[in-house]
Amino acid sequence: MNRPRHRGSGHPGAAVDRNPGAAGRIPPDPQPEGLQLRLVGAVWNGVWELARRLPEPVAFALADAGGRLAHRGATGARARIRRNLARVVPPADLDRAVCASFRSYARYWIESFRAADLDPADLGRRTRDVGFEHLDAALDDGRGAIVLLAHHGSWDVAARWAESRGYHLAVVAEVLRPRRLFEKFVRLRESVGLEVVPLQRDRASRGAMAARLSRVLAANHLAGLLSDRDLTGAAPVVRLFGEDCRIPPGPVVLSKRTGAPIVPITMLQRPGRRWHIEALPALDVRDGSIAEGCQAVADAIERLIRMAPEQWHAFSPVFLADLPVHRRGDWAPSRAAR
């Protein structure tokens, strides 16, 4: 009998524990949300529902127009993405890449809003996948796989595609405000089969998150970690595109804890409302230091981004040289990791 084209995750015959209901397990917000925040949530919710109801060609065309308008009007975001992309693309291509990044980001949101409505068979016809022998080989070892993601391309559609091919994924999501909108995103992702593991800053929550991801990996499933942006200001310093930045050590720490390899994956947007999803060879960071492992992760993130720099949604400062002094932590150029 021929092996299926996609192995899928999990141990043979074992049921998938998707651990639904993450929104109900988040502690109440200690601070009441003001009127402005509630209005922001209402606007986002309205755009979300409109995007779901419009014909797909119309929704994508409006997103593209909105991205172009944002590129013209959002001067602060345009300056930030320009500084980040200047490390990646040649000067002659920078203006085009900056505009394309706004259009890609707008498309990402429309795709996210519509992800649960995508027909799996139609999604399969419109998606080209490459390199999944690397993921399948990692899963053959039975320890699960840590999926290394960046804010790049269309990761919500990638999750929908993966679940439809038998790969169960648990993803970490930072708890954001307005809470009702965050909870709706949680329910959206759970509706396509994902498990959402909320990320909160206190030590107990981080410990519970690590324990849950370890159980997911022990069941030979996937743990997805967005790893191109540090939220703490205390992560290891690495070199990315030749400059210093911090990236979260989570993938490396989790790999050392569980023995699971790290598999970099991205889903690229293609013209005609199509996609290209690609898995790179697995990283083994179990030996060596945390800093060495983080640099290997940074190198893999760089390879993902280089596939389509204009689809890197880096609208916040990434590189330490772009941060104000009070946000650089203990970093100084002479002390950065080389």
C-alpha atoms as a PDB file:
ATOM      1  CA  MET A   1       0.000   0.000   0.000  1.00  0.00           C
ATOM      2  CA  ASN A   2       1.340   3.436  -0.931  1.00  0.00           C
ATOM      3  CA  ARG A   3       2.009   5.855   1.883  1.00  0.00           C
ATOM      4  CA  PRO A   4      -0.408   8.836   1.937  1.00  0.00           C
ATOM      5  CA  ARG A   5       1.071  12.009   0.484  1.00  0.00           C
ATOM      6  CA  HIS A   6       0.732  13.739   3.853  1.00  0.00           C
ATOM      7  CA  ARG A   7       1.449  11.692   6.919  1.00  0.00           C
ATOM      8  CA  GLY A   8      -0.570  13.793   9.367  1.00  0.00           C
ATOM      9  CA  SER A   9       0.289  14.037  13.044  1.00  0.00           C
ATOM     10  CA  GLY A  10      -0.479  11.928  16.094  1.00  0.00           C
ATOM     11  CA  HIS A  11       0.205   8.350  17.141  1.00  0.00           C
ATOM     12  CA  PRO A  12      -1.635   5.621  15.185  1.00  0.00           C
ATOM     13  CA  GLY A  13      -5.139   5.041  16.501  1.00  0.00           C
ATOM     14  CA  ALA A  14      -4.960   7.761  19.149  1.00  0.00           C
ATOM     15  CA  ALA A  15      -7.771  10.303  19.427  1.00  0.00           C
ATOM     16  CA  VAL A  16      -6.877  13.981  19.068  1.00  0.00           C
ATOM     17  CA  ASP A  17      -7.296  16.039  22.251  1.00  0.00           C
ATOM     18  CA  ARG A  18      -8.042  19.506  20.892  1.00  0.00           C
ATOM     19  CA  ASN A  19      -8.633  20.982  24.374  1.00  0.00           C
ATOM     20  CA  PRO A  20     -11.350  23.429  23.229  1.00  0.00           C
ATOM     21  CA  GLY A  21     -12.748  26.316  25.217  1.00  0.00           C
ATOM     22  CA  ALA A  22      -9.554  28.337  25.694  1.00  0.00           C
ATOM     23  CA  ALA A  23     -11.461  31.627  25.868  1.00  0.00           C
ATOM     24  CA  GLY A  24     -13.308  30.423  28.948  1.00  0.00           C
ATOM     25  CA  ARG A  25     -10.080  29.552  30.761  1.00  0.00           C
ATOM     26  CA  ILE A  26      -8.584  33.044  30.585  1.00  0.00           C
ATOM     27  CA  PRO A  27      -8.861  34.975  33.874  1.00  0.00           C
ATOM     28  CA  PRO A  28     -11.137  38.050  33.732  1.00  0.00           C
ATOM     29  CA  ASP A  29      -9.544  41.286  32.629  1.00  0.00           C
ATOM     30  CA  PRO A  30      -8.666  43.185  35.835  1.00  0.00           C
ATOM     31  CA  GLN A  31      -9.191  46.543  34.124  1.00  0.00           C
ATOM     32  CA  PRO A  32     -12.524  47.568  32.583  1.00  0.00           C
ATOM     33  CA  GLU A  33     -12.391  48.402  28.895  1.00  0.00           C
ATOM     34  CA  GLY A  34     -13.167  52.011  28.077  1.00  0.00           C
ATOM     35  CA  LEU A  35     -15.573  53.272  25.440  1.00  0.00           C
ATOM     36  CA  GLN A  36     -12.833  53.830  22.858  1.00  0.00           C
ATOM     37  CA  LEU A  37     -11.571  50.264  23.160  1.00  0.00           C
ATOM     38  CA  ARG A  38     -15.105  48.896  22.898  1.00  0.00           C
ATOM     39  CA  LEU A  39     -15.691  50.971  19.767  1.00  0.00           C
ATOM     40  CA  VAL A  40     -12.480  49.650  18.232  1.00  0.00           C
ATOM     41  CA  GLY A  41     -13.686  46.128  18.903  1.00  0.00           C
ATOM     42  CA  ALA A  42     -17.072  46.885  17.341  1.00  0.00           C
ATOM     43  CA  VAL A  43     -15.457  48.265  14.182  1.00  0.00           C
ATOM     44  CA  TRP A  44     -13.177  45.240  13.832  1.00  0.00           C
ATOM     45  CA  ASN A  45     -16.122  42.916  14.385  1.00  0.00           C
ATOM     46  CA  GLY A  46     -18.119  44.726  11.706  1.00  0.00           C
ATOM     47  CA  VAL A  47     -15.277  44.505   9.191  1.00  0.00           C
ATOM     48  CA  TRP A  48     -14.864  40.809  10.059  1.00  0.00           C
ATOM     49  CA  GLU A  49     -18.522  39.975   9.403  1.00  0.00           C
ATOM     50  CA  LEU A  50     -18.591  42.039   6.216  1.00  0.00           C
ATOM     51  CA  ALA A  51     -15.470  40.290   4.916  1.00  0.00           C
ATOM     52  CA  ARG A  52     -17.120  36.903   5.483  1.00  0.00           C
ATOM     53  CA  ARG A  53     -20.279  37.845   3.619  1.00  0.00           C
ATOM     54  CA  LEU A  54     -18.847  39.548   0.553  1.00  0.00           C
ATOM     55  CA  PRO A  55     -18.049  37.470  -2.548  1.00  0.00           C
ATOM     56  CA  GLU A  56     -14.423  36.396  -2.321  1.00  0.00           C
ATOM     57  CA  PRO A  57     -13.182  38.422  -5.340  1.00  0.00           C
ATOM     58  CA  VAL A  58     -14.811  41.560  -3.933  1.00  0.00           C
ATOM     59  CA  ALA A  59     -13.387  41.007  -0.437  1.00  0.00           C
ATOM     60  CA  PHE A  60      -9.861  40.518  -1.778  1.00  0.00           C
ATOM     61  CA  ALA A  61     -10.129  43.546  -4.096  1.00  0.00           C
ATOM     62  CA  LEU A  62     -11.299  45.754  -1.225  1.00  0.00           C
ATOM     63  CA  ALA A  63      -8.451  44.475   0.941  1.00  0.00           C
ATOM     64  CA  ASP A  64      -5.943  45.353  -1.764  1.00  0.00           C
ATOM     65  CA  ALA A  65      -7.396  48.847  -2.105  1.00  0.00           C
ATOM     66  CA  GLY A  66      -7.354  49.257   1.671  1.00  0.00           C
ATOM     67  CA  GLY A  67      -3.722  48.187   1.808  1.00  0.00           C
ATOM     68  CA  ARG A  68      -2.795  50.777  -0.808  1.00  0.00           C
ATOM     69  CA  LEU A  69      -4.645  53.500   1.098  1.00  0.00           C
ATOM     70  CA  ALA A  70      -2.969  52.497   4.361  1.00  0.00           C
ATOM     71  CA  HIS A  71       0.412  52.659   2.655  1.00  0.00           C
ATOM     72  CA  ARG A  72      -0.271  56.262   1.705  1.00  0.00           C
ATOM     73  CA  GLY A  73      -1.787  57.387   4.991  1.00  0.00           C
ATOM     74  CA  ALA A  74      -0.112  55.398   7.771  1.00  0.00           C
ATOM     75  CA  THR A  75       3.139  57.304   7.894  1.00  0.00           C
ATOM     76  CA  GLY A  76       4.382  55.832  11.185  1.00  0.00           C
ATOM     77  CA  ALA A  77       3.753  52.226  10.158  1.00  0.00           C
ATOM     78  CA  ARG A  78       5.269  52.936   6.747  1.00  0.00           C
ATOM     79  CA  ALA A  79       8.452  54.251   8.359  1.00  0.00           C
ATOM     80  CA  ARG A  80       8.731  51.207  10.654  1.00  0.00           C
ATOM     81  CA  ILE A  81       8.226  48.591   7.939  1.00  0.00           C
ATOM     82  CA  ARG A  82      10.607  50.508   5.688  1.00  0.00           C
ATOM     83  CA  ARG A  83      13.362  50.376   8.321  1.00  0.00           C
ATOM     84  CA  ASN A  84      12.867  46.645   8.764  1.00  0.00           C
ATOM     85  CA  LEU A  85      12.704  45.808   5.061  1.00  0.00           C
ATOM     86  CA  ALA A  86      15.767  47.961   4.365  1.00  0.00           C
ATOM     87  CA  ARG A  87      17.779  45.151   5.998  1.00  0.00           C
ATOM     88  CA  VAL A  88      16.315  42.592   3.588  1.00  0.00           C
ATOM     89  CA  VAL A  89      15.813  44.037   0.093  1.00  0.00           C
ATOM     90  CA  PRO A  90      18.094  46.149  -2.110  1.00  0.00           C
ATOM     91  CA  PRO A  91      17.463  49.915  -2.108  1.00  0.00           C
ATOM     92  CA  ALA A  92      16.102  49.814  -5.655  1.00  0.00           C
ATOM     93  CA  ASP A  93      13.337  47.427  -4.550  1.00  0.00           C
ATOM     94  CA  LEU A  94      12.505  49.021  -1.215  1.00  0.00           C
ATOM     95  CA  ASP A  95       9.629  51.318  -2.228  1.00  0.00           C
ATOM     96  CA  ARG A  96       7.836  48.490  -4.039  1.00  0.00           C
ATOM     97  CA  ALA A  97       8.387  46.085  -1.136  1.00  0.00           C
ATOM     98  CA  VAL A  98       7.015  48.556   1.423  1.00  0.00           C
ATOM     99  CA  CYS A  99       3.831  49.122  -0.580  1.00  0.00           C
ATOM    100  CA  ALA A 100       3.474  45.383  -1.189  1.00  0.00           C
ATOM    101  CA  SER A 101       3.796  44.692   2.542  1.00  0.00           C
ATOM    102  CA  PHE A 102       0.729  46.828   3.286  1.00  0.00           C
ATOM    103  CA  ARG A 103      -1.232  45.043   0.559  1.00  0.00           C
ATOM    104  CA  SER A 104      -0.097  41.657   1.856  1.00  0.00           C
ATOM    105  CA  TYR A 105      -1.073  42.541   5.422  1.00  0.00           C
ATOM    106  CA  ALA A 106      -4.528  43.682   4.358  1.00  0.00           C
ATOM    107  CA  ARG A 107      -4.962  40.427   2.448  1.00  0.00           C
ATOM    108  CA  TYR A 108      -3.830  38.516   5.531  1.00  0.00           C
ATOM    109  CA  TRP A 109      -6.689  39.975   7.581  1.00  0.00           C
ATOM    110  CA  ILE A 110      -9.312  39.124   4.972  1.00  0.00           C
ATOM    111  CA  GLU A 111      -7.912  35.593   4.782  1.00  0.00           C
ATOM    112  CA  SER A 112      -8.017  35.279   8.558  1.00  0.00           C
ATOM    113  CA  PHE A 113     -11.620  36.465   8.751  1.00  0.00           C
ATOM    114  CA  ARG A 114     -12.633  33.959   6.064  1.00  0.00           C
ATOM    115  CA  ALA A 115     -10.420  31.036   7.146  1.00  0.00           C
ATOM    116  CA  ALA A 116     -13.162  29.044   8.835  1.00  0.00           C
ATOM    117  CA  ASP A 117     -15.340  29.351   5.721  1.00  0.00           C
ATOM    118  CA  LEU A 118     -12.724  27.950   3.331  1.00  0.00           C
ATOM    119  CA  ASP A 119     -13.713  24.638   1.781  1.00  0.00           C
ATOM    120  CA  PRO A 120     -10.836  22.195   2.460  1.00  0.00           C
ATOM    121  CA  ALA A 121     -11.014  20.634  -0.999  1.00  0.00           C
ATOM    122  CA  ASP A 122     -10.983  24.027  -2.711  1.00  0.00           C
ATOM    123  CA  LEU A 123      -8.152  25.196  -0.462  1.00  0.00           C
ATOM    124  CA  GLY A 124      -6.180  22.096  -1.434  1.00  0.00           C
ATOM    125  CA  ARG A 125      -6.659  22.810  -5.127  1.00  0.00           C
ATOM    126  CA  ARG A 126      -5.415  26.374  -4.696  1.00  0.00           C
ATOM    127  CA  THR A 127      -2.392  25.523  -2.555  1.00  0.00           C
ATOM    128  CA  ARG A 128       0.975  24.175  -3.657  1.00  0.00           C
ATOM    129  CA  ASP A 129       2.902  22.446  -0.889  1.00  0.00           C
ATOM    130  CA  VAL A 130       6.634  21.801  -0.867  1.00  0.00           C
ATOM    131  CA  GLY A 131       8.990  20.165   1.624  1.00  0.00           C
ATOM    132  CA  PHE A 132       6.514  18.316   3.804  1.00  0.00           C
ATOM    133  CA  GLU A 133       8.738  15.273   3.739  1.00  0.00           C
ATOM    134  CA  HIS A 134      10.788  17.183   6.337  1.00  0.00           C
ATOM    135  CA  LEU A 135       7.801  17.514   8.670  1.00  0.00           C
ATOM    136  CA  ASP A 136       6.692  13.932   8.091  1.00  0.00           C
ATOM    137  CA  ALA A 137      10.181  12.608   8.828  1.00  0.00           C
ATOM    138  CA  ALA A 138      10.201  14.538  12.105  1.00  0.00           C
ATOM    139  CA  LEU A 139       6.807  13.105  13.063  1.00  0.00           C
ATOM    140  CA  ASP A 140       7.970   9.587  12.223  1.00  0.00           C
ATOM    141  CA  ASP A 141      10.236   9.845  15.294  1.00  0.00           C
ATOM    142  CA  GLY A 142       7.137  10.186  17.476  1.00  0.00           C
ATOM    143  CA  ARG A 143       8.105  13.293  19.488  1.00  0.00           C
ATOM    144  CA  GLY A 144       5.974  15.814  17.642  1.00  0.00           C
ATOM    145  CA  ALA A 145       7.361  18.882  15.914  1.00  0.00           C
ATOM    146  CA  ILE A 146       7.710  22.528  16.875  1.00  0.00           C
ATOM    147  CA  VAL A 147       6.540  24.587  13.893  1.00  0.00           C
ATOM    148  CA  LEU A 148       8.641  27.717  13.589  1.00  0.00           C
ATOM    149  CA  LEU A 149       6.515  30.571  12.246  1.00  0.00           C
ATOM    150  CA  ALA A 150       7.102  34.231  11.493  1.00  0.00           C
ATOM    151  CA  HIS A 151       4.666  37.102  10.992  1.00  0.00           C
ATOM    152  CA  HIS A 152       4.912  36.262   7.323  1.00  0.00           C
ATOM    153  CA  GLY A 153       2.402  35.337   4.654  1.00  0.00           C
ATOM    154  CA  SER A 154      -0.877  33.725   5.674  1.00  0.00           C
ATOM    155  CA  TRP A 155      -0.448  31.691   8.850  1.00  0.00           C
ATOM    156  CA  ASP A 156      -4.182  31.345   9.599  1.00  0.00           C
ATOM    157  CA  VAL A 157      -4.817  29.854   6.164  1.00  0.00           C
ATOM    158  CA  ALA A 158      -1.758  27.642   6.700  1.00  0.00           C
ATOM    159  CA  ALA A 159      -3.331  26.306   9.885  1.00  0.00           C
ATOM    160  CA  ARG A 160      -6.607  25.629   8.065  1.00  0.00           C
ATOM    161  CA  TRP A 161      -4.721  23.764   5.319  1.00  0.00           C
ATOM    162  CA  ALA A 162      -2.682  21.755   7.853  1.00  0.00           C
ATOM    163  CA  GLU A 163      -5.721  20.647   9.839  1.00  0.00           C
ATOM    164  CA  SER A 164      -7.456  19.588   6.622  1.00  0.00           C
ATOM    165  CA  ARG A 165      -4.448  17.378   5.845  1.00  0.00           C
ATOM    166  CA  GLY A 166      -4.454  15.665   9.225  1.00  0.00           C
ATOM    167  CA  TYR A 167      -1.821  17.803  10.998  1.00  0.00           C
ATOM    168  CA  HIS A 168      -3.137  18.960  14.373  1.00  0.00           C
ATOM    169  CA  LEU A 169      -1.610  22.208  15.566  1.00  0.00           C
ATOM    170  CA  ALA A 170      -1.596  23.953  18.928  1.00  0.00           C
ATOM    171  CA  VAL A 171      -0.758  27.647  18.620  1.00  0.00           C
ATOM    172  CA  VAL A 172       0.240  30.172  21.262  1.00  0.00           C
ATOM    173  CA  ALA A 173      -1.738  33.434  21.204  1.00  0.00           C
ATOM    174  CA  GLU A 174      -0.999  36.496  23.316  1.00  0.00           C
ATOM    175  CA  VAL A 175      -4.072  37.615  25.250  1.00  0.00           C
ATOM    176  CA  LEU A 176      -5.051  41.012  23.837  1.00  0.00           C
ATOM    177  CA  ARG A 177      -7.705  43.661  24.285  1.00  0.00           C
ATOM    178  CA  PRO A 178     -10.524  44.176  23.509  1.00  0.00           C
ATOM    179  CA  ARG A 179     -11.211  40.808  25.085  1.00  0.00           C
ATOM    180  CA  ARG A 180     -14.413  40.080  23.161  1.00  0.00           C
ATOM    181  CA  LEU A 181     -12.545  40.388  19.877  1.00  0.00           C
ATOM    182  CA  PHE A 182      -9.703  38.202  21.160  1.00  0.00           C
ATOM    183  CA  GLU A 183     -12.189  35.586  22.303  1.00  0.00           C
ATOM    184  CA  LYS A 184     -13.791  35.630  18.855  1.00  0.00           C
ATOM    185  CA  PHE A 185     -10.386  34.956  17.288  1.00  0.00           C
ATOM    186  CA  VAL A 186      -9.920  32.055  19.697  1.00  0.00           C
ATOM    187  CA  ARG A 187     -13.273  30.572  18.704  1.00  0.00           C
ATOM    188  CA  LEU A 188     -12.443  31.085  15.016  1.00  0.00           C
ATOM    189  CA  ARG A 189      -9.204  29.164  15.329  1.00  0.00           C
ATOM    190  CA  GLU A 190     -10.809  26.414  17.357  1.00  0.00           C
ATOM    191  CA  SER A 191     -13.542  26.101  14.728  1.00  0.00           C
ATOM    192  CA  VAL A 192     -10.947  25.045  12.122  1.00  0.00           C
ATOM    193  CA  GLY A 193      -9.487  22.446  14.504  1.00  0.00           C
ATOM    194  CA  LEU A 194      -6.665  24.372  16.134  1.00  0.00           C
ATOM    195  CA  GLU A 195      -5.919  24.360  19.819  1.00  0.00           C
ATOM    196  CA  VAL A 196      -5.232  27.839  21.183  1.00  0.00           C
ATOM    197  CA  VAL A 197      -2.894  28.120  24.168  1.00  0.00           C
ATOM    198  CA  PRO A 198      -3.246  31.640  25.661  1.00  0.00           C
ATOM    199  CA  LEU A 199      -0.020  33.503  26.428  1.00  0.00           C
ATOM    200  CA  GLN A 200       0.016  35.626  29.557  1.00  0.00           C
ATOM    201  CA  ARG A 201       2.966  37.251  31.262  1.00  0.00           C
ATOM    202  CA  ASP A 202       2.818  35.799  34.781  1.00  0.00           C
ATOM    203  CA  ARG A 203       5.079  32.881  35.673  1.00  0.00           C
ATOM    204  CA  ALA A 204       2.261  30.443  36.496  1.00  0.00           C
ATOM    205  CA  SER A 205       0.623  30.991  33.104  1.00  0.00           C
ATOM    206  CA  ARG A 206       3.934  30.515  31.286  1.00  0.00           C
ATOM    207  CA  GLY A 207       4.508  27.267  33.151  1.00  0.00           C
ATOM    208  CA  ALA A 208       1.033  25.998  32.286  1.00  0.00           C
ATOM    209  CA  MET A 209       1.580  26.947  28.646  1.00  0.00           C
ATOM    210  CA  ALA A 210       4.869  25.036  28.459  1.00  0.00           C
ATOM    211  CA  ALA A 211       3.301  22.000  30.116  1.00  0.00           C
ATOM    212  CA  ARG A 212       0.390  21.989  27.676  1.00  0.00           C
ATOM    213  CA  LEU A 213       2.654  22.317  24.626  1.00  0.00           C
ATOM    214  CA  SER A 214       4.783  19.470  25.966  1.00  0.00           C
ATOM    215  CA  ARG A 215       1.675  17.261  26.141  1.00  0.00           C
ATOM    216  CA  VAL A 216       0.740  18.189  22.578  1.00  0.00           C
ATOM    217  CA  LEU A 217       4.211  17.202  21.384  1.00  0.00           C
ATOM    218  CA  ALA A 218       4.176  13.968  23.400  1.00  0.00           C
ATOM    219  CA  ALA A 219       1.001  13.061  21.475  1.00  0.00           C
ATOM    220  CA  ASN A 220       3.081  13.564  18.275  1.00  0.00           C
ATOM    221  CA  HIS A 221       1.250  16.683  17.173  1.00  0.00           C
ATOM    222  CA  LEU A 222       2.510  20.167  16.285  1.00  0.00           C
ATOM    223  CA  ALA A 223       3.194  23.215  18.467  1.00  0.00           C
ATOM    224  CA  GLY A 224       3.264  26.446  16.467  1.00  0.00           C
ATOM    225  CA  LEU A 225       5.325  29.369  17.776  1.00  0.00           C
ATOM    226  CA  LEU A 226       5.577  32.798  16.140  1.00  0.00           C
ATOM    227  CA  SER A 227       9.199  33.644  16.833  1.00  0.00           C
ATOM    228  CA  ASP A 228      10.314  36.734  14.923  1.00  0.00           C
ATOM    229  CA  ARG A 229       9.230  39.251  17.551  1.00  0.00           C
ATOM    230  CA  ASP A 230      10.328  39.584  21.198  1.00  0.00           C
ATOM    231  CA  LEU A 231       7.696  40.936  23.576  1.00  0.00           C
ATOM    232  CA  THR A 232       9.809  40.903  26.747  1.00  0.00           C
ATOM    233  CA  GLY A 233      12.918  42.957  26.005  1.00  0.00           C
ATOM    234  CA  ALA A 234      14.997  40.256  27.672  1.00  0.00           C
ATOM    235  CA  ALA A 235      15.316  37.536  24.999  1.00  0.00           C
ATOM    236  CA  PRO A 236      18.711  36.412  23.644  1.00  0.00           C
ATOM    237  CA  VAL A 237      20.399  38.690  21.125  1.00  0.00           C
ATOM    238  CA  VAL A 238      20.924  37.145  17.683  1.00  0.00           C
ATOM    239  CA  ARG A 239      21.975  38.255  14.247  1.00  0.00           C
ATOM    240  CA  LEU A 240      19.137  38.627  11.719  1.00  0.00           C
ATOM    241  CA  PHE A 241      19.936  39.931   8.248  1.00  0.00           C
ATOM    242  CA  GLY A 242      23.322  40.986   9.602  1.00  0.00           C
ATOM    243  CA  GLU A 243      22.000  43.077  12.496  1.00  0.00           C
ATOM    244  CA  ASP A 244      21.243  42.552  16.171  1.00  0.00           C
ATOM    245  CA  CYS A 245      17.752  41.732  17.393  1.00  0.00           C
ATOM    246  CA  ARG A 246      16.118  39.630  20.080  1.00  0.00           C
ATOM    247  CA  ILE A 247      14.002  36.572  19.384  1.00  0.00           C
ATOM    248  CA  PRO A 248      12.039  34.479  21.885  1.00  0.00           C
ATOM    249  CA  PRO A 249      13.929  31.423  23.189  1.00  0.00           C
ATOM    250  CA  GLY A 250      10.682  29.428  23.438  1.00  0.00           C
ATOM    251  CA  PRO A 251      11.251  27.078  20.467  1.00  0.00           C
ATOM    252  CA  VAL A 252      14.748  26.200  21.663  1.00  0.00           C
ATOM    253  CA  VAL A 253      13.731  25.712  25.303  1.00  0.00           C
ATOM    254  CA  LEU A 254      10.751  23.570  24.311  1.00  0.00           C
ATOM    255  CA  SER A 255      12.874  21.486  21.955  1.00  0.00           C
ATOM    256  CA  LYS A 256      15.424  20.815  24.686  1.00  0.00           C
ATOM    257  CA  ARG A 257      12.642  19.930  27.117  1.00  0.00           C
ATOM    258  CA  THR A 258      10.782  17.527  24.822  1.00  0.00           C
ATOM    259  CA  GLY A 259      13.291  16.379  22.200  1.00  0.00           C
ATOM    260  CA  ALA A 260      10.984  17.605  19.429  1.00  0.00           C
ATOM    261  CA  PRO A 261      12.715  19.037  16.349  1.00  0.00           C
ATOM    262  CA  ILE A 262      11.952  22.505  15.036  1.00  0.00           C
ATOM    263  CA  VAL A 263      10.484  22.675  11.510  1.00  0.00           C
ATOM    264  CA  PRO A 264      10.319  26.138   9.860  1.00  0.00           C
ATOM    265  CA  ILE A 265       7.145  26.613   7.781  1.00  0.00           C
ATOM    266  CA  THR A 266       5.560  29.517   5.939  1.00  0.00           C
ATOM    267  CA  MET A 267       2.566  29.974   3.650  1.00  0.00           C
ATOM    268  CA  LEU A 268       3.089  32.508   0.891  1.00  0.00           C
ATOM    269  CA  GLN A 269       0.328  34.455  -0.796  1.00  0.00           C
ATOM    270  CA  ARG A 270       0.161  33.980  -4.552  1.00  0.00           C
ATOM    271  CA  PRO A 271      -1.776  35.895  -7.244  1.00  0.00           C
ATOM    272  CA  GLY A 272      -5.253  34.726  -8.104  1.00  0.00           C
ATOM    273  CA  ARG A 273      -6.154  33.989  -4.466  1.00  0.00           C
ATOM    274  CA  ARG A 274      -3.785  31.074  -4.349  1.00  0.00           C
ATOM    275  CA  TRP A 275      -1.091  29.986  -1.852  1.00  0.00           C
ATOM    276  CA  HIS A 276       2.257  28.222  -1.569  1.00  0.00           C
ATOM    277  CA  ILE A 277       3.128  26.482   1.714  1.00  0.00           C
ATOM    278  CA  GLU A 278       6.684  25.290   2.307  1.00  0.00           C
ATOM    279  CA  ALA A 279       8.461  23.388   5.078  1.00  0.00           C
ATOM    280  CA  LEU A 280      12.234  23.655   5.466  1.00  0.00           C
ATOM    281  CA  PRO A 281      14.549  20.958   6.847  1.00  0.00           C
ATOM    282  CA  ALA A 282      14.203  20.371  10.580  1.00  0.00           C
ATOM    283  CA  LEU A 283      16.535  22.014  13.108  1.00  0.00           C
ATOM    284  CA  ASP A 284      18.069  19.954  15.892  1.00  0.00           C
ATOM    285  CA  VAL A 285      19.005  22.336  18.716  1.00  0.00           C
ATOM    286  CA  ARG A 286      19.068  19.837  21.563  1.00  0.00           C
ATOM    287  CA  ASP A 287      22.842  20.108  21.897  1.00  0.00           C
ATOM    288  CA  GLY A 288      24.615  23.388  22.461  1.00  0.00           C
ATOM    289  CA  SER A 289      23.585  26.493  24.359  1.00  0.00           C
ATOM    290  CA  ILE A 290      20.328  28.405  24.294  1.00  0.00           C
ATOM    291  CA  ALA A 291      22.120  31.243  22.515  1.00  0.00           C
ATOM    292  CA  GLU A 292      23.427  28.910  19.801  1.00  0.00           C
ATOM    293  CA  GLY A 293      19.984  27.420  19.342  1.00  0.00           C
ATOM    294  CA  CYS A 294      18.399  30.855  19.074  1.00  0.00           C
ATOM    295  CA  GLN A 295      20.876  31.824  16.381  1.00  0.00           C
ATOM    296  CA  ALA A 296      19.958  28.686  14.423  1.00  0.00           C
ATOM    297  CA  VAL A 297      16.300  29.697  14.758  1.00  0.00           C
ATOM    298  CA  ALA A 298      17.117  33.234  13.567  1.00  0.00           C
ATOM    299  CA  ASP A 299      18.909  31.819  10.524  1.00  0.00           C
ATOM    300  CA  ALA A 300      15.816  29.742   9.696  1.00  0.00           C
ATOM    301  CA  ILE A 301      13.513  32.756  10.120  1.00  0.00           C
ATOM    302  CA  GLU A 302      15.764  34.645   7.736  1.00  0.00           C
ATOM    303  CA  ARG A 303      15.377  31.877   5.139  1.00  0.00           C
ATOM    304  CA  LEU A 304      11.585  31.996   5.479  1.00  0.00           C
ATOM    305  CA  ILE A 305      11.428  35.771   5.093  1.00  0.00           C
ATOM    306  CA  ARG A 306      13.760  35.799   2.087  1.00  0.00           C
ATOM    307  CA  MET A 307      11.228  33.681   0.173  1.00  0.00           C
ATOM    308  CA  ALA A 308       8.983  36.791  -0.011  1.00  0.00           C
ATOM    309  CA  PRO A 309      10.311  39.788   1.974  1.00  0.00           C
ATOM    310  CA  GLU A 310       7.277  41.893   1.071  1.00  0.00           C
ATOM    311  CA  GLN A 311       5.080  39.418   2.970  1.00  0.00           C
ATOM    312  CA  TRP A 312       6.934  39.994   6.255  1.00  0.00           C
ATOM    313  CA  HIS A 313       4.411  41.908   8.351  1.00  0.00           C
ATOM    314  CA  ALA A 314       7.015  43.605  10.524  1.00  0.00           C
ATOM    315  CA  PHE A 315       5.157  46.797  11.419  1.00  0.00           C
ATOM    316  CA  SER A 316       6.857  47.046  14.811  1.00  0.00           C
ATOM    317  CA  PRO A 317      10.570  47.662  15.413  1.00  0.00           C
ATOM    318  CA  VAL A 318      12.540  44.411  15.147  1.00  0.00           C
ATOM    319  CA  PHE A 319      16.172  45.459  15.245  1.00  0.00           C
ATOM    320  CA  LEU A 320      17.726  46.737  18.447  1.00  0.00           C
ATOM    321  CA  ALA A 321      19.315  49.743  16.751  1.00  0.00           C
ATOM    322  CA  ASP A 322      15.788  51.008  15.946  1.00  0.00           C
ATOM    323  CA  LEU A 323      14.549  50.841  19.532  1.00  0.00           C
ATOM    324  CA  PRO A 324      14.714  53.753  21.980  1.00  0.00           C
ATOM    325  CA  VAL A 325      17.474  53.346  24.526  1.00  0.00           C
ATOM    326  CA  HIS A 326      15.103  52.474  27.384  1.00  0.00           C
ATOM    327  CA  ARG A 327      13.793  49.457  25.417  1.00  0.00           C
ATOM    328  CA  ARG A 328      17.178  47.987  24.508  1.00  0.00           C
ATOM    329  CA  GLY A 329      17.716  46.285  27.830  1.00  0.00           C
ATOM    330  CA  ASP A 330      21.346  45.398  28.468  1.00  0.00           C
ATOM    331  CA  TRP A 331      22.215  45.439  24.781  1.00  0.00           C
ATOM    332  CA  ALA A 332      25.137  47.340  23.364  1.00  0.00           C
ATOM    333  CA  PRO A 333      26.621  46.745  19.891  1.00  0.00           C
ATOM    334  CA  SER A 334      29.984  45.652  21.279  1.00  0.00           C
ATOM    335  CA  ARG A 335      28.296  42.967  23.434  1.00  0.00           C
ATOM    336  CA  ALA A 336      25.924  41.528  20.842  1.00  0.00           C
ATOM    337  CA  ALA A 337      26.139  37.893  19.860  1.00  0.00           C
ATOM    338  CA  ARG A 338      28.184  37.237  16.750  1.00  0.00           C
END
